[in-house]
Amino acid sequence: MKENLHWGYRNEKLGHKRFAGLALIAVLATTLSSQVFAKTYDVVINNGRVMDPETVYDDIANVGIKDGRIAEISKKPLKGAKTIDASGHIVAPGFIDTHFHWQTPIGYRVGLRDGMTSAMDFEAGCAGSFISAWYEARPGVTQVNYGCAVSHELARSMVLDGRMSDEIYMRGPIAALEARKKSGWSVTRPNLEQGNAILEELDKGLQAGAPGIGSTVGYMREGVSSREMFEVQKVGARYGRPTGAHTRYTLGNDTTENNGAQELIANAMALGAPAIVLHFNNPGWRLAHEMISRLQSQGFNIWGEVYPYAAGSTTLNASFLQPDSWVEQMGNRYEDTVQDPVTGKFYTLETFKADTASNPTKPIVVFKMPAEDTPKWLTLKGVTVASDALGAEPYFGPWDIPLEKIGNMHPRAAGTRGATIRLGREHNIPMMQLISILSYNAAKHLGDTGLKAMQERGRIQKGMVADIVVFDPKRFTDNSTYSQGAAPSTGMKAVLVNGQVALRDDKVLPVFVGQPIRFEPAAKPRFQPISLEGWNNEFSTGMPETFTGAFPKDGGK
């Protein structure tokens, strides 16, 4: 019995030893396995202040990036093929610009220096028939993500002034500089046939995947009736996409500016469509913001944008700058308000008329608001910051052209984001607010339209596309001025576009991984022509005589 007990005890001891040995082997194997198979990310950003506006996450952490997406956000050390030490830096979503006209290699490079990772144009836009070709020309040669709304202005130009060459339309928003040399696009009231042709051209662009409609109705206030503007937004509503507008009467006073915004907003509400009130940082901006904010609280996908400059930029022949409007109605003087960015000189009435006659689409700078208002706009809840970057010659030069060879321009093209962070620093605006208005807010509103590319950007979260900026909050700043508009921002440690480092220590790298910001093309058009019979059938019990809507038979003559 004792022997058996002894034997049993001996077996038990041997069992424990065998188990302990196996356990040790398992631990060693696990340790070795974890060392051999530990995740190695493509890029790791270490020790940065990671800020995500959607979740309000704000903490020191490490970010691991794999296959173009954020794969991990952790307090634990991460290993990467490339590492970025972000100690003392902010790690935030890449900055999104929805009002960027300079859609060329130089423009993208200038924006990238300023932290821009996605550039879209929701004002001037691209010609509808050329949306597909415009997108197809950019993969592999574009440094940031790119998108273009379909252009109301170019649709009118095409129908009312005649078709230009394909090469001009392929310039995207910059095609407007050629189209504006004629006047039909701005002042002509289309007849019914022409009006339907304009709307059909817009539909072509949306069918091809354009993220929305861009309208410069403020430049076309004589030619575009209220009915036409409603029908334009109706085309977008059929696809559930926003219309962004330089609103009617902009530039104007604090009443007319808001009347223009109210037109866009009322149309959007009636149609159940999204809308963007472009650059409302003009007279009456507090009312515009309150209207937009109250509508957002009621669930409407309507938003507004600002830029942090007291001056704007446009072309000489803008209707609102002509003497009868700018001087006689609004009481301005060219000597105080309208500047040639190349010479730095302000215009007189005589030089303004002479230059308008000889070079009507020449870009100029317009001083229109008090400088002390600029930081106030950056505190507004729910707005987006957009540059309205117009660009300068040579518009289509090589991406790496020396910046000193670029003509002068409004400083917002090169400095909008740096100026936003600098003004926030100088006026104690919370950093999370600044990051929100530079990235997340635009992504949120556009994502809510169903635009997948924006649903997965503007956020620092696991699984999101790795469009990321890493910058020093004490040093990142704009350097561009009205006399040196192309001077680049500085203080940017790194910019990642789709997971690849496109800028390192203020140096743009030859990385061309920009992706399209667009919808999948629709199988069929959704264009519905306006007709007397159709309108009567829907809105009347029976109406005789002629239709007197936006597009009368005689063109409104």
Protein backbone atom coordinates (compact mmCIF):
# COMPACT_ATOMS: atom_id res chain seq x y z
CA MET A 1 0.00 0.00 0.00
CA LYS A 2 2.80 2.36 0.95
CA GLU A 3 4.68 1.34 -2.15
CA ASN A 4 1.63 2.10 -4.27
CA LEU A 5 1.17 5.41 -2.51
CA HIS A 6 4.83 6.20 -3.02
CA TRP A 7 4.55 5.25 -6.66
CA GLY A 8 1.51 7.46 -7.09
CA TYR A 9 3.26 10.40 -5.41
CA ARG A 10 6.32 9.87 -7.63
CA ASN A 11 4.15 9.84 -10.77
CA GLU A 12 2.43 13.00 -9.57
CA LYS A 13 5.79 14.73 -9.08
CA LEU A 14 6.98 13.59 -12.47
CA GLY A 15 3.70 14.86 -13.96
CA HIS A 16 4.19 18.27 -12.41
CA LYS A 17 7.73 18.39 -13.75
CA ARG A 18 6.59 17.34 -17.20
CA PHE A 19 3.76 19.92 -17.12
CA ALA A 20 6.13 22.63 -15.92
CA GLY A 21 8.54 21.71 -18.70
CA LEU A 22 5.83 21.78 -21.32
CA ALA A 23 4.53 25.08 -19.96
CA LEU A 24 8.03 26.57 -20.13
CA ILE A 25 8.41 25.37 -23.70
CA ALA A 26 5.00 26.86 -24.56
CA VAL A 27 5.93 30.22 -23.01
CA LEU A 28 9.25 30.27 -24.85
CA ALA A 29 7.52 29.29 -28.08
CA THR A 30 4.93 32.01 -27.63
CA THR A 31 7.60 34.58 -26.87
CA LEU A 32 9.68 33.55 -29.85
CA SER A 33 6.56 33.46 -32.02
CA SER A 34 5.50 36.94 -30.93
CA GLN A 35 8.99 38.18 -31.73
CA VAL A 36 9.06 36.51 -35.11
CA PHE A 37 5.48 37.29 -36.07
CA ALA A 38 5.00 40.66 -34.33
CA LYS A 39 3.12 43.08 -36.53
CA THR A 40 5.37 45.35 -38.52
CA TYR A 41 3.46 48.28 -39.97
CA ASP A 42 4.29 50.16 -43.14
CA VAL A 43 4.54 53.41 -41.20
CA VAL A 44 4.45 54.08 -37.48
CA ILE A 45 3.91 57.53 -35.99
CA ASN A 46 5.27 57.48 -32.44
CA ASN A 47 4.53 59.56 -29.36
CA GLY A 48 2.30 62.17 -30.96
CA ARG A 49 -0.75 63.93 -29.55
CA VAL A 50 -3.38 62.02 -31.51
CA MET A 51 -6.57 64.03 -32.09
CA ASP A 52 -9.78 62.67 -33.61
CA PRO A 53 -12.59 65.24 -33.93
CA GLU A 54 -15.39 62.70 -34.34
CA THR A 55 -14.75 60.79 -31.11
CA VAL A 56 -12.96 63.72 -29.41
CA TYR A 57 -10.05 61.35 -28.67
CA ASP A 58 -7.07 63.41 -27.52
CA ASP A 59 -4.09 61.57 -26.05
CA ILE A 60 -0.45 60.67 -26.54
CA ALA A 61 -0.36 57.46 -28.59
CA ASN A 62 1.31 55.55 -31.40
CA VAL A 63 -0.35 55.06 -34.78
CA GLY A 64 0.36 52.06 -36.98
CA ILE A 65 -0.45 52.23 -40.69
CA LYS A 66 -0.79 49.24 -43.00
CA ASP A 67 -1.93 49.07 -46.63
CA GLY A 68 -3.00 52.69 -46.68
CA ARG A 69 -5.19 52.55 -43.58
CA ILE A 70 -4.88 53.16 -39.87
CA ALA A 71 -4.39 49.67 -38.44
CA GLU A 72 -3.66 50.47 -34.80
CA ILE A 73 -3.78 53.29 -32.27
CA SER A 74 -2.04 52.19 -29.11
CA LYS A 75 -0.11 53.22 -26.04
CA LYS A 76 2.13 50.20 -26.65
CA PRO A 77 5.25 50.49 -28.80
CA LEU A 78 4.69 49.69 -32.47
CA LYS A 79 7.22 48.61 -35.08
CA GLY A 80 7.23 49.97 -38.61
CA ALA A 81 9.24 49.87 -41.80
CA LYS A 82 9.19 53.67 -41.58
CA THR A 83 8.88 55.61 -38.35
CA ILE A 84 8.03 59.22 -37.58
CA ASP A 85 8.86 60.62 -34.17
CA ALA A 86 5.91 62.88 -33.39
CA SER A 87 7.00 63.88 -29.89
CA GLY A 88 5.64 67.35 -29.20
CA HIS A 89 3.57 67.23 -32.40
CA ILE A 90 -0.10 66.85 -33.21
CA VAL A 91 -1.26 63.87 -35.24
CA ALA A 92 -4.54 64.75 -36.94
CA PRO A 93 -6.68 63.91 -39.98
CA GLY A 94 -5.38 65.34 -43.24
CA PHE A 95 -6.87 68.72 -44.12
CA ILE A 96 -9.77 68.68 -46.60
CA ASP A 97 -10.40 71.61 -48.95
CA THR A 98 -13.75 71.65 -50.76
CA HIS A 99 -13.11 74.93 -52.57
CA PHE A 100 -9.78 74.54 -54.35
CA HIS A 101 -9.73 75.81 -57.94
CA TRP A 102 -6.03 75.15 -58.60
CA GLN A 103 -6.51 71.53 -59.64
CA THR A 104 -3.09 71.11 -61.28
CA PRO A 105 0.24 69.55 -60.24
CA ILE A 106 1.56 72.90 -58.98
CA GLY A 107 -1.62 73.61 -57.07
CA TYR A 108 -1.63 70.22 -55.38
CA ARG A 109 2.03 70.68 -54.41
CA VAL A 110 1.36 74.14 -52.93
CA GLY A 111 -1.61 72.78 -50.97
CA LEU A 112 0.35 69.77 -49.72
CA ARG A 113 2.93 72.09 -48.14
CA ASP A 114 0.00 73.49 -46.16
CA GLY A 115 -1.27 70.08 -45.01
CA MET A 116 -3.98 69.60 -47.66
CA THR A 117 -4.60 65.92 -48.42
CA SER A 118 -7.89 66.21 -50.34
CA ALA A 119 -8.76 68.97 -52.83
CA MET A 120 -12.20 69.47 -54.34
CA ASP A 121 -13.89 72.33 -56.17
CA PHE A 122 -17.54 72.90 -55.25
CA GLU A 123 -17.79 76.36 -56.80
CA ALA A 124 -16.42 76.73 -60.35
CA GLY A 125 -16.40 72.99 -61.01
CA CYS A 126 -15.69 71.01 -64.17
CA ALA A 127 -17.68 70.69 -67.37
CA GLY A 128 -20.23 67.88 -67.10
CA SER A 129 -19.34 66.15 -70.36
CA PHE A 130 -15.69 66.00 -69.28
CA ILE A 131 -16.04 64.76 -65.69
CA SER A 132 -15.01 61.20 -66.57
CA ALA A 133 -12.01 62.31 -68.65
CA TRP A 134 -10.94 64.77 -65.94
CA TYR A 135 -10.84 62.01 -63.33
CA GLU A 136 -9.19 59.53 -65.67
CA ALA A 137 -6.28 61.92 -66.27
CA ARG A 138 -5.21 62.02 -62.60
CA PRO A 139 -4.34 58.55 -61.20
CA GLY A 140 -0.61 58.13 -60.71
CA VAL A 141 0.23 61.78 -61.31
CA THR A 142 -1.62 63.50 -58.46
CA GLN A 143 -0.13 64.07 -55.01
CA VAL A 144 -3.39 64.59 -53.10
CA ASN A 145 -6.91 63.22 -53.38
CA TYR A 146 -8.95 65.05 -56.00
CA GLY A 147 -12.57 65.79 -56.83
CA CYS A 148 -14.63 68.20 -58.89
CA ALA A 149 -18.28 69.18 -58.84
CA VAL A 150 -20.06 69.67 -62.15
CA SER A 151 -20.06 73.30 -63.24
CA HIS A 152 -23.23 75.37 -63.65
CA GLU A 153 -21.16 78.19 -65.12
CA LEU A 154 -19.45 76.03 -67.76
CA ALA A 155 -22.76 74.41 -68.68
CA ARG A 156 -24.19 77.86 -69.40
CA SER A 157 -21.07 78.87 -71.29
CA MET A 158 -21.22 75.73 -73.43
CA VAL A 159 -24.87 76.28 -74.34
CA LEU A 160 -25.05 80.10 -74.55
CA ASP A 161 -21.59 81.08 -75.83
CA GLY A 162 -20.65 78.01 -77.84
CA ARG A 163 -18.49 75.00 -77.19
CA MET A 164 -14.76 75.52 -76.65
CA SER A 165 -12.01 73.02 -77.44
CA ASP A 166 -11.74 69.78 -75.48
CA GLU A 167 -8.30 70.85 -74.28
CA ILE A 168 -9.80 73.88 -72.52
CA TYR A 169 -12.50 71.85 -70.77
CA MET A 170 -9.85 69.40 -69.56
CA ARG A 171 -8.36 72.26 -67.54
CA GLY A 172 -11.18 71.74 -65.08
CA PRO A 173 -12.08 74.84 -63.04
CA ILE A 174 -9.37 76.89 -64.76
CA ALA A 175 -11.38 76.59 -68.00
CA ALA A 176 -13.50 79.42 -66.59
CA LEU A 177 -10.69 81.89 -67.27
CA GLU A 178 -11.19 81.25 -70.99
CA ALA A 179 -14.98 80.89 -70.90
CA ARG A 180 -15.40 84.21 -69.08
CA LYS A 181 -13.94 86.11 -72.01
CA LYS A 182 -17.47 85.99 -73.43
CA SER A 183 -20.56 87.22 -71.61
CA GLY A 184 -23.50 84.98 -72.50
CA TRP A 185 -22.75 82.62 -69.60
CA SER A 186 -23.29 85.51 -67.21
CA VAL A 187 -26.00 87.78 -68.59
CA THR A 188 -28.14 85.74 -71.01
CA ARG A 189 -31.53 84.35 -69.99
CA PRO A 190 -31.83 80.98 -71.73
CA ASN A 191 -34.98 79.91 -73.51
CA LEU A 192 -36.68 76.62 -72.71
CA GLU A 193 -34.58 74.57 -75.11
CA GLN A 194 -31.34 76.13 -73.91
CA GLY A 195 -32.35 75.77 -70.29
CA ASN A 196 -32.96 72.08 -70.68
CA ALA A 197 -29.59 71.70 -72.42
CA ILE A 198 -27.89 73.38 -69.43
CA LEU A 199 -29.64 71.06 -66.98
CA GLU A 200 -28.83 68.00 -69.08
CA GLU A 201 -25.14 68.96 -69.10
CA LEU A 202 -25.23 69.07 -65.29
CA ASP A 203 -26.88 65.66 -65.20
CA LYS A 204 -24.10 64.22 -67.37
CA GLY A 205 -21.54 65.23 -64.79
CA LEU A 206 -23.50 63.77 -61.89
CA GLN A 207 -24.11 60.56 -63.81
CA ALA A 208 -20.33 60.33 -64.29
CA GLY A 209 -19.82 60.50 -60.51
CA ALA A 210 -19.26 64.19 -59.73
CA PRO A 211 -19.75 64.71 -55.97
CA GLY A 212 -22.19 67.58 -56.52
CA ILE A 213 -22.93 70.79 -58.42
CA GLY A 214 -20.89 73.98 -58.24
CA SER A 215 -22.65 77.24 -59.07
CA THR A 216 -21.25 80.75 -59.42
CA VAL A 217 -24.72 82.28 -59.47
CA GLY A 218 -23.28 85.38 -57.80
CA TYR A 219 -21.43 86.06 -61.06
CA MET A 220 -24.51 85.28 -63.16
CA ARG A 221 -27.22 87.17 -61.29
CA GLU A 222 -28.47 88.91 -64.45
CA GLY A 223 -28.77 85.69 -66.44
CA VAL A 224 -29.85 83.14 -63.83
CA SER A 225 -33.46 83.48 -62.70
CA SER A 226 -34.66 82.14 -59.37
CA ARG A 227 -36.44 79.37 -61.27
CA GLU A 228 -33.22 78.34 -63.02
CA MET A 229 -31.36 78.13 -59.72
CA PHE A 230 -34.14 75.98 -58.30
CA GLU A 231 -33.99 73.66 -61.32
CA VAL A 232 -30.20 73.41 -61.04
CA GLN A 233 -30.48 72.29 -57.43
CA LYS A 234 -33.25 69.91 -58.45
CA VAL A 235 -30.81 68.12 -60.78
CA GLY A 236 -28.51 67.56 -57.81
CA ALA A 237 -31.40 66.53 -55.56
CA ARG A 238 -32.27 63.62 -57.87
CA TYR A 239 -28.85 62.17 -56.99
CA GLY A 240 -28.94 63.27 -53.34
CA ARG A 241 -25.88 65.48 -53.90
CA PRO A 242 -25.09 68.98 -52.69
CA THR A 243 -25.03 72.21 -54.63
CA GLY A 244 -22.29 74.55 -53.52
CA ALA A 245 -22.86 78.16 -54.49
CA HIS A 246 -21.13 81.49 -54.56
CA THR A 247 -24.51 82.87 -53.64
CA ARG A 248 -26.45 85.54 -55.48
CA TYR A 249 -25.54 89.11 -54.43
CA THR A 250 -22.12 88.08 -53.10
CA LEU A 251 -20.35 90.46 -52.82
CA GLY A 252 -23.07 92.65 -51.33
CA ASN A 253 -24.24 94.15 -48.08
CA ASP A 254 -25.53 92.44 -44.94
CA THR A 255 -29.04 92.17 -46.40
CA THR A 256 -28.34 91.12 -49.98
CA GLU A 257 -25.63 88.64 -48.96
CA ASN A 258 -28.10 86.81 -46.76
CA ASN A 259 -30.86 87.01 -49.37
CA GLY A 260 -28.56 85.04 -51.65
CA ALA A 261 -27.85 82.47 -48.95
CA GLN A 262 -31.58 82.19 -48.24
CA GLU A 263 -32.26 81.37 -51.89
CA LEU A 264 -29.84 78.45 -51.85
CA ILE A 265 -31.04 77.24 -48.46
CA ALA A 266 -34.76 77.50 -49.23
CA ASN A 267 -34.28 75.57 -52.47
CA ALA A 268 -32.36 72.85 -50.65
CA MET A 269 -35.04 72.52 -47.98
CA ALA A 270 -37.87 72.33 -50.53
CA LEU A 271 -35.99 69.69 -52.52
CA GLY A 272 -34.68 67.70 -49.55
CA ALA A 273 -31.15 68.19 -50.88
CA PRO A 274 -27.79 69.07 -49.30
CA ALA A 275 -26.25 72.51 -49.88
CA ILE A 276 -23.03 74.40 -49.18
CA VAL A 277 -23.11 78.16 -48.58
CA LEU A 278 -19.67 79.02 -49.92
CA HIS A 279 -17.39 81.60 -48.23
CA PHE A 280 -20.11 83.33 -46.21
CA ASN A 281 -17.41 85.29 -44.31
CA ASN A 282 -18.87 88.51 -45.73
CA PRO A 283 -21.25 91.23 -44.48
CA GLY A 284 -24.07 89.62 -42.48
CA TRP A 285 -22.06 86.49 -41.63
CA ARG A 286 -23.52 86.13 -38.14
CA LEU A 287 -27.05 85.75 -39.51
CA ALA A 288 -25.90 83.34 -42.21
CA HIS A 289 -24.22 81.16 -39.59
CA GLU A 290 -27.23 81.22 -37.29
CA MET A 291 -29.58 80.16 -40.10
CA ILE A 292 -27.28 77.30 -41.07
CA SER A 293 -26.76 76.18 -37.47
CA ARG A 294 -30.47 76.12 -36.70
CA LEU A 295 -31.15 74.06 -39.81
CA GLN A 296 -28.39 71.61 -38.91
CA SER A 297 -29.98 71.13 -35.49
CA GLN A 298 -33.19 70.16 -37.32
CA GLY A 299 -31.38 67.53 -39.36
CA PHE A 300 -30.76 69.38 -42.63
CA ASN A 301 -27.45 68.58 -44.34
CA ILE A 302 -26.66 72.23 -45.06
CA TRP A 303 -23.35 73.78 -44.14
CA GLY A 304 -21.17 76.81 -44.74
CA GLU A 305 -17.50 77.53 -45.28
CA VAL A 306 -15.12 80.35 -44.35
CA TYR A 307 -11.53 81.30 -45.09
CA PRO A 308 -9.26 83.21 -42.68
CA TYR A 309 -8.58 86.31 -44.80
CA ALA A 310 -10.12 89.77 -44.95
CA ALA A 311 -9.66 89.89 -48.73
CA GLY A 312 -10.99 87.66 -51.49
CA SER A 313 -9.87 87.06 -55.05
CA THR A 314 -11.72 87.00 -58.35
CA THR A 315 -11.40 88.18 -61.95
CA LEU A 316 -11.61 91.77 -63.14
CA ASN A 317 -14.81 91.26 -65.09
CA ALA A 318 -16.82 89.94 -62.11
CA SER A 319 -20.22 91.59 -62.37
CA PHE A 320 -20.24 92.80 -58.78
CA LEU A 321 -16.93 94.67 -59.28
CA GLN A 322 -18.18 96.85 -62.12
CA PRO A 323 -18.49 100.58 -61.34
CA ASP A 324 -22.30 100.66 -61.23
CA SER A 325 -22.29 97.98 -58.52
CA TRP A 326 -18.99 98.32 -56.64
CA VAL A 327 -18.76 102.13 -56.62
CA GLU A 328 -22.22 103.56 -57.20
CA GLN A 329 -24.38 101.04 -55.30
CA MET A 330 -21.96 99.82 -52.60
CA GLY A 331 -19.94 102.99 -52.13
CA ASN A 332 -16.48 101.45 -52.50
CA ARG A 333 -13.35 102.96 -54.03
CA TYR A 334 -11.02 100.92 -56.22
CA GLU A 335 -8.07 102.78 -54.66
CA ASP A 336 -8.87 101.18 -51.28
CA THR A 337 -10.21 97.77 -52.20
CA VAL A 338 -9.05 96.27 -55.54
CA GLN A 339 -5.41 95.30 -55.94
CA ASP A 340 -3.29 93.88 -58.76
CA PRO A 341 -1.43 90.98 -57.05
CA VAL A 342 1.38 91.09 -59.61
CA THR A 343 2.29 94.76 -59.25
CA GLY A 344 0.90 95.27 -55.75
CA LYS A 345 -0.78 98.47 -56.90
CA PHE A 346 -4.38 99.36 -56.20
CA TYR A 347 -6.62 100.24 -59.13
CA THR A 348 -8.22 103.55 -59.97
CA LEU A 349 -11.49 103.77 -61.88
CA GLU A 350 -9.53 104.49 -65.06
CA THR A 351 -6.99 101.67 -64.69
CA PHE A 352 -9.75 99.26 -63.69
CA LYS A 353 -11.69 100.00 -66.89
CA ALA A 354 -8.56 99.77 -69.03
CA ASP A 355 -7.40 96.43 -67.60
CA THR A 356 -10.92 94.98 -67.74
CA ALA A 357 -11.07 95.81 -71.45
CA SER A 358 -7.64 94.33 -72.23
CA ASN A 359 -7.54 91.34 -69.85
CA PRO A 360 -11.06 90.70 -68.47
CA THR A 361 -10.23 87.45 -66.64
CA LYS A 362 -7.13 88.73 -64.89
CA PRO A 363 -7.13 87.59 -61.22
CA ILE A 364 -7.20 90.41 -58.66
CA VAL A 365 -7.46 90.76 -54.88
CA VAL A 366 -10.49 92.40 -53.26
CA PHE A 367 -10.34 93.78 -49.71
CA LYS A 368 -13.84 93.48 -48.30
CA MET A 369 -13.92 92.75 -44.54
CA PRO A 370 -12.23 93.98 -41.33
CA ALA A 371 -9.07 92.01 -40.51
CA GLU A 372 -10.21 91.64 -36.89
CA ASP A 373 -13.11 89.41 -38.05
CA THR A 374 -10.88 86.62 -39.36
CA PRO A 375 -10.23 84.79 -36.06
CA LYS A 376 -13.90 85.14 -35.14
CA TRP A 377 -14.91 83.00 -38.12
CA LEU A 378 -12.64 80.20 -36.91
CA THR A 379 -14.60 79.90 -33.66
CA LEU A 380 -17.90 79.17 -35.41
CA LYS A 381 -19.39 75.78 -34.67
CA GLY A 382 -19.83 73.36 -37.55
CA VAL A 383 -18.22 75.42 -40.33
CA THR A 384 -15.57 74.19 -42.74
CA VAL A 385 -12.41 76.02 -43.74
CA ALA A 386 -11.76 76.15 -47.49
CA SER A 387 -9.14 78.16 -49.34
CA ASP A 388 -10.92 79.28 -52.53
CA ALA A 389 -7.42 78.92 -54.05
CA LEU A 390 -7.37 80.52 -57.50
CA GLY A 391 -3.73 79.91 -58.39
CA ALA A 392 -1.23 81.77 -60.56
CA GLU A 393 0.81 81.40 -63.71
CA PRO A 394 2.08 79.02 -64.83
CA TYR A 395 -1.06 77.09 -63.92
CA PHE A 396 0.08 73.93 -65.69
CA GLY A 397 3.82 73.83 -65.09
CA PRO A 398 5.66 70.85 -63.57
CA TRP A 399 4.82 69.95 -59.98
CA ASP A 400 8.33 70.70 -58.73
CA ILE A 401 8.74 74.12 -60.34
CA PRO A 402 10.68 76.46 -58.01
CA LEU A 403 8.15 78.47 -56.05
CA GLU A 404 9.91 81.72 -56.89
CA LYS A 405 8.97 81.12 -60.54
CA ILE A 406 5.25 81.13 -59.72
CA GLY A 407 3.44 84.42 -60.26
CA ASN A 408 1.92 86.23 -57.32
CA MET A 409 -1.55 85.33 -56.08
CA HIS A 410 -3.85 85.60 -53.09
CA PRO A 411 -2.01 84.13 -50.05
CA ARG A 412 -4.88 81.77 -49.25
CA ALA A 413 -3.77 79.28 -51.92
CA ALA A 414 -0.55 78.57 -50.00
CA GLY A 415 -1.45 79.52 -46.45
CA THR A 416 -5.07 78.87 -45.50
CA ARG A 417 -4.36 75.99 -43.12
CA GLY A 418 -1.21 77.51 -41.66
CA ALA A 419 -3.12 80.76 -41.10
CA THR A 420 -5.93 78.87 -39.37
CA ILE A 421 -3.56 77.21 -36.90
CA ARG A 422 -1.60 80.43 -36.36
CA LEU A 423 -4.73 82.49 -35.68
CA GLY A 424 -6.01 79.78 -33.38
CA ARG A 425 -2.73 79.91 -31.48
CA GLU A 426 -2.81 83.70 -31.24
CA HIS A 427 -6.44 83.84 -30.10
CA ASN A 428 -6.61 80.74 -27.88
CA ILE A 429 -9.08 78.85 -30.07
CA PRO A 430 -9.24 75.17 -28.97
CA MET A 431 -7.13 72.91 -31.16
CA MET A 432 -9.94 70.36 -31.50
CA GLN A 433 -12.15 73.09 -32.99
CA LEU A 434 -9.43 73.96 -35.52
CA ILE A 435 -8.90 70.32 -36.51
CA SER A 436 -12.66 69.86 -36.89
CA ILE A 437 -13.13 72.81 -39.24
CA LEU A 438 -10.05 71.85 -41.26
CA SER A 439 -10.94 68.19 -41.79
CA TYR A 440 -13.76 66.35 -40.05
CA ASN A 441 -16.65 68.73 -40.67
CA ALA A 442 -16.28 68.57 -44.45
CA ALA A 443 -15.85 64.79 -44.36
CA LYS A 444 -18.92 64.39 -42.15
CA HIS A 445 -21.27 66.44 -44.33
CA LEU A 446 -20.06 64.93 -47.60
CA GLY A 447 -20.04 61.45 -46.10
CA ASP A 448 -23.68 61.92 -45.13
CA THR A 449 -24.50 62.31 -48.83
CA GLY A 450 -23.23 58.75 -49.33
CA LEU A 451 -19.78 59.72 -50.60
CA LYS A 452 -17.71 56.76 -49.40
CA ALA A 453 -14.34 58.45 -49.89
CA MET A 454 -15.34 61.02 -47.27
CA GLN A 455 -16.92 58.53 -44.88
CA GLU A 456 -13.45 57.06 -44.32
CA ARG A 457 -11.42 60.27 -44.14
CA GLY A 458 -11.28 63.22 -41.77
CA ARG A 459 -10.85 60.90 -38.79
CA ILE A 460 -8.01 59.26 -36.84
CA GLN A 461 -9.61 55.89 -36.12
CA LYS A 462 -8.74 52.28 -36.74
CA GLY A 463 -9.81 51.24 -40.24
CA MET A 464 -9.91 54.76 -41.67
CA VAL A 465 -7.84 55.85 -44.67
CA ALA A 466 -4.47 57.11 -43.47
CA ASP A 467 -4.63 60.72 -44.65
CA ILE A 468 -2.72 62.27 -41.76
CA VAL A 469 -0.88 65.47 -40.84
CA VAL A 470 1.84 65.67 -38.21
CA PHE A 471 2.67 69.25 -37.23
CA ASP A 472 4.22 71.31 -34.48
CA PRO A 473 1.38 73.31 -32.87
CA LYS A 474 3.86 76.00 -31.79
CA ARG A 475 5.58 76.39 -35.17
CA PHE A 476 3.17 75.46 -37.96
CA THR A 477 2.29 78.72 -39.67
CA ASP A 478 1.56 80.45 -42.93
CA ASN A 479 4.23 82.57 -44.61
CA SER A 480 2.32 83.71 -47.68
CA THR A 481 1.38 87.38 -47.91
CA TYR A 482 -0.39 89.62 -50.40
CA SER A 483 3.00 90.52 -51.84
CA GLN A 484 4.43 86.98 -51.74
CA GLY A 485 1.44 84.76 -52.23
CA ALA A 486 3.31 81.53 -53.05
CA ALA A 487 5.49 81.49 -49.90
CA PRO A 488 4.87 78.02 -48.38
CA SER A 489 3.76 77.21 -44.85
CA THR A 490 6.33 75.76 -42.46
CA GLY A 491 6.28 73.60 -39.34
CA MET A 492 4.76 70.50 -40.93
CA LYS A 493 6.63 67.38 -39.81
CA ALA A 494 4.88 64.97 -42.16
CA VAL A 495 1.86 64.58 -44.40
CA LEU A 496 0.58 61.14 -45.32
CA VAL A 497 -1.74 60.60 -48.27
CA ASN A 498 -3.37 57.19 -48.44
CA GLY A 499 -0.80 55.82 -46.03
CA GLN A 500 2.28 57.04 -47.86
CA VAL A 501 4.55 59.82 -46.69
CA ALA A 502 4.11 62.61 -49.25
CA LEU A 503 5.83 65.36 -47.25
CA ARG A 504 8.60 65.11 -44.68
CA ASP A 505 9.99 68.05 -42.71
CA ASP A 506 8.44 70.66 -45.02
CA LYS A 507 9.75 68.93 -48.14
CA VAL A 508 7.28 67.58 -50.72
CA LEU A 509 8.29 64.14 -51.98
CA PRO A 510 7.69 62.67 -55.46
CA VAL A 511 4.77 60.57 -54.23
CA PHE A 512 1.69 60.48 -56.48
CA VAL A 513 -0.91 58.38 -54.69
CA GLY A 514 -3.92 60.70 -54.76
CA GLN A 515 -7.26 58.91 -55.10
CA PRO A 516 -10.52 60.14 -56.67
CA ILE A 517 -13.23 61.70 -54.52
CA ARG A 518 -16.32 60.77 -56.52
CA PHE A 519 -19.40 58.57 -56.68
CA GLU A 520 -19.56 55.45 -58.79
CA PRO A 521 -20.96 56.39 -62.22
CA ALA A 522 -24.69 55.79 -62.54
CA ALA A 523 -25.95 53.36 -65.15
CA LYS A 524 -28.61 55.75 -66.44
CA PRO A 525 -29.09 59.53 -66.54
CA ARG A 526 -31.72 61.07 -64.28
CA PHE A 527 -32.35 64.16 -66.36
CA GLN A 528 -35.99 65.19 -66.64
CA PRO A 529 -36.63 68.05 -69.06
CA ILE A 530 -38.84 70.95 -68.07
CA SER A 531 -42.03 71.19 -70.07
CA LEU A 532 -45.32 73.07 -69.89
CA GLU A 533 -47.27 69.82 -69.80
CA GLY A 534 -45.11 68.27 -67.09
CA TRP A 535 -45.32 71.28 -64.79
CA ASN A 536 -49.08 71.63 -65.24
CA ASN A 537 -49.69 67.97 -64.59
CA GLU A 538 -47.79 68.08 -61.31
CA PHE A 539 -48.72 71.48 -59.89
CA SER A 540 -51.98 72.56 -61.50
CA THR A 541 -55.50 71.30 -62.05
CA GLY A 542 -55.21 72.56 -65.61
CA MET A 543 -53.50 75.74 -66.83
CA PRO A 544 -54.01 77.30 -70.26
CA GLU A 545 -51.72 79.53 -72.33
CA THR A 546 -47.94 79.42 -72.12
CA PHE A 547 -45.42 78.37 -69.53
CA THR A 548 -43.65 81.38 -67.99
CA GLY A 549 -41.03 79.71 -65.84
CA ALA A 550 -37.26 80.00 -65.93
CA PHE A 551 -36.86 79.48 -69.63
CA PRO A 552 -39.51 81.35 -71.69
CA LYS A 553 -39.64 80.79 -75.42
CA ASP A 554 -38.11 84.16 -76.27
CA GLY A 555 -35.27 83.88 -73.77
CA GLY A 556 -36.76 86.61 -71.61
CA LYS A 557 -36.38 89.36 -74.20
